[in-house]
Amino acid sequence: MEATKDRAEVMNEILAYSTCTEAYHRLSSLSKVVCTDGILAMCQQLGAFWLVDAILSYRRQEEVQFWTLTVKDGGAVLTMNEDSDQPNLVKQEISYTEFPEGVWKFYLMDGVLLLPSEY
């Protein structure tokens, strides 16, 4: 990550440039889930492999999962539901993170973890 850019700028750039993927990447040998180029860039540039691990630690059966990471004041809440009007099926409080503040969305669809801009 460039020293002159803050973490939110880096994440917003990743979202802006991640509109498709050229390859799928397996980040965990313990899971069949693969991720897109955008997720890989996020993990590498923001040190966010922990976020993928957190998502993959929930072995859910839903083919479509909407994940949200809400970051505020150095802590975060990770939630998952099947649609925006459905209740959360997963909620994990994270006491500390260096992930940029904001509300960040991720999709897990048919075994592929992707950014909303890649859908």
Protein backbone atom coordinates (compact mmCIF):
# COMPACT_ATOMS: atom_id res chain seq x y z
CA MET A 1 0.00 0.00 0.00
CA GLU A 2 1.36 3.41 -0.91
CA ALA A 3 2.24 5.59 2.06
CA THR A 4 0.43 8.60 0.60
CA LYS A 5 -2.93 6.84 0.31
CA ASP A 6 -5.12 6.04 3.25
CA ARG A 7 -6.72 2.62 3.53
CA ALA A 8 -10.17 3.85 2.46
CA GLU A 9 -8.70 5.32 -0.75
CA VAL A 10 -7.01 1.99 -1.49
CA MET A 11 -10.26 0.07 -0.95
CA ASN A 12 -12.22 2.51 -3.12
CA GLU A 13 -9.62 2.16 -5.90
CA ILE A 14 -9.87 -1.63 -5.69
CA LEU A 15 -13.66 -1.37 -6.03
CA ALA A 16 -13.36 1.07 -8.94
CA TYR A 17 -10.95 -1.13 -10.91
CA SER A 18 -12.47 -4.50 -10.04
CA THR A 19 -15.26 -4.85 -12.56
CA CYS A 20 -14.58 -8.44 -13.58
CA THR A 21 -12.01 -11.13 -12.90
CA GLU A 22 -9.45 -12.84 -15.09
CA ALA A 23 -8.80 -15.70 -12.69
CA TYR A 24 -10.14 -17.38 -9.59
CA HIS A 25 -7.91 -17.86 -6.56
CA ARG A 26 -8.15 -20.37 -3.73
CA LEU A 27 -7.03 -18.61 -0.55
CA SER A 28 -7.61 -21.53 1.78
CA SER A 29 -6.74 -25.16 1.29
CA LEU A 30 -9.53 -25.95 3.78
CA SER A 31 -12.30 -24.61 1.55
CA LYS A 32 -13.57 -25.14 -1.97
CA VAL A 33 -14.49 -21.45 -2.16
CA VAL A 34 -12.50 -19.36 -4.63
CA CYS A 35 -12.19 -15.60 -4.84
CA THR A 36 -11.87 -13.04 -7.61
CA ASP A 37 -8.99 -10.77 -8.54
CA GLY A 38 -10.62 -7.93 -6.58
CA ILE A 39 -10.84 -9.94 -3.36
CA LEU A 40 -7.22 -11.04 -3.81
CA ALA A 41 -6.12 -7.42 -4.35
CA MET A 42 -8.02 -6.35 -1.23
CA CYS A 43 -6.34 -9.07 0.82
CA GLN A 44 -2.87 -8.26 -0.48
CA GLN A 45 -3.08 -4.47 -0.33
CA LEU A 46 -5.00 -4.14 2.94
CA GLY A 47 -3.80 -7.24 4.76
CA ALA A 48 -7.35 -8.54 4.83
CA PHE A 49 -6.82 -12.28 4.53
CA TRP A 50 -8.37 -12.44 8.01
CA LEU A 51 -11.66 -11.21 6.53
CA VAL A 52 -11.78 -14.04 4.00
CA ASP A 53 -10.92 -16.48 6.80
CA ALA A 54 -13.78 -15.07 8.91
CA ILE A 55 -16.27 -15.44 6.05
CA LEU A 56 -15.08 -18.95 5.19
CA SER A 57 -15.21 -20.03 8.84
CA TYR A 58 -18.99 -20.05 8.58
CA ARG A 59 -19.88 -23.16 6.66
CA ARG A 60 -23.30 -22.12 5.39
CA GLN A 61 -25.52 -23.87 2.86
CA GLU A 62 -27.02 -20.77 1.22
CA GLU A 63 -25.91 -20.53 -2.42
CA VAL A 64 -26.14 -16.73 -2.30
CA GLN A 65 -24.76 -14.90 0.74
CA PHE A 66 -24.58 -11.14 1.23
CA TRP A 67 -21.80 -10.23 3.65
CA THR A 68 -21.40 -6.79 5.21
CA LEU A 69 -18.45 -5.51 7.20
CA THR A 70 -19.33 -2.37 9.15
CA VAL A 71 -16.19 -0.70 10.51
CA LYS A 72 -16.32 2.12 13.04
CA ASP A 73 -13.92 3.40 15.71
CA GLY A 74 -11.38 0.61 15.12
CA GLY A 75 -13.89 -2.21 15.60
CA ALA A 76 -16.23 -3.97 13.22
CA VAL A 77 -19.31 -6.12 12.86
CA LEU A 78 -19.46 -8.81 10.16
CA THR A 79 -22.95 -9.94 9.16
CA MET A 80 -24.46 -12.21 6.54
CA ASN A 81 -27.97 -12.56 5.18
CA GLU A 82 -29.62 -14.05 2.11
CA ASP A 83 -31.08 -10.75 0.94
CA SER A 84 -31.28 -7.16 2.14
CA ASP A 85 -34.80 -7.62 3.52
CA GLN A 86 -33.92 -10.82 5.40
CA PRO A 87 -32.61 -11.13 8.98
CA ASN A 88 -28.93 -11.69 9.65
CA LEU A 89 -27.97 -15.35 9.73
CA VAL A 90 -24.44 -14.57 10.95
CA LYS A 91 -23.20 -11.77 13.18
CA GLN A 92 -19.64 -11.56 14.44
CA GLU A 93 -18.27 -8.65 16.44
CA ILE A 94 -14.61 -7.84 15.79
CA SER A 95 -12.98 -5.85 18.58
CA TYR A 96 -10.12 -4.41 16.51
CA THR A 97 -9.35 -3.96 12.83
CA GLU A 98 -7.25 -1.70 10.64
CA PHE A 99 -9.72 -2.15 7.79
CA PRO A 100 -10.96 1.25 6.59
CA GLU A 101 -14.03 2.72 8.26
CA GLY A 102 -17.28 2.37 6.40
CA VAL A 103 -19.79 -0.20 5.29
CA TRP A 104 -18.25 -2.73 2.91
CA LYS A 105 -20.20 -5.39 1.02
CA PHE A 106 -19.08 -8.77 -0.32
CA TYR A 107 -20.96 -11.53 -2.12
CA LEU A 108 -20.47 -15.28 -1.86
CA MET A 109 -22.27 -16.86 -4.79
CA ASP A 110 -22.02 -20.47 -5.89
CA GLY A 111 -18.64 -20.89 -4.23
CA VAL A 112 -17.10 -17.61 -5.45
CA LEU A 113 -16.33 -14.72 -3.09
CA LEU A 114 -16.46 -11.40 -4.96
CA LEU A 115 -16.79 -7.65 -4.62
CA PRO A 116 -20.12 -6.06 -5.57
CA SER A 117 -18.35 -4.24 -8.43
CA GLU A 118 -17.41 -7.63 -9.89
CA TYR A 119 -20.98 -8.93 -10.01
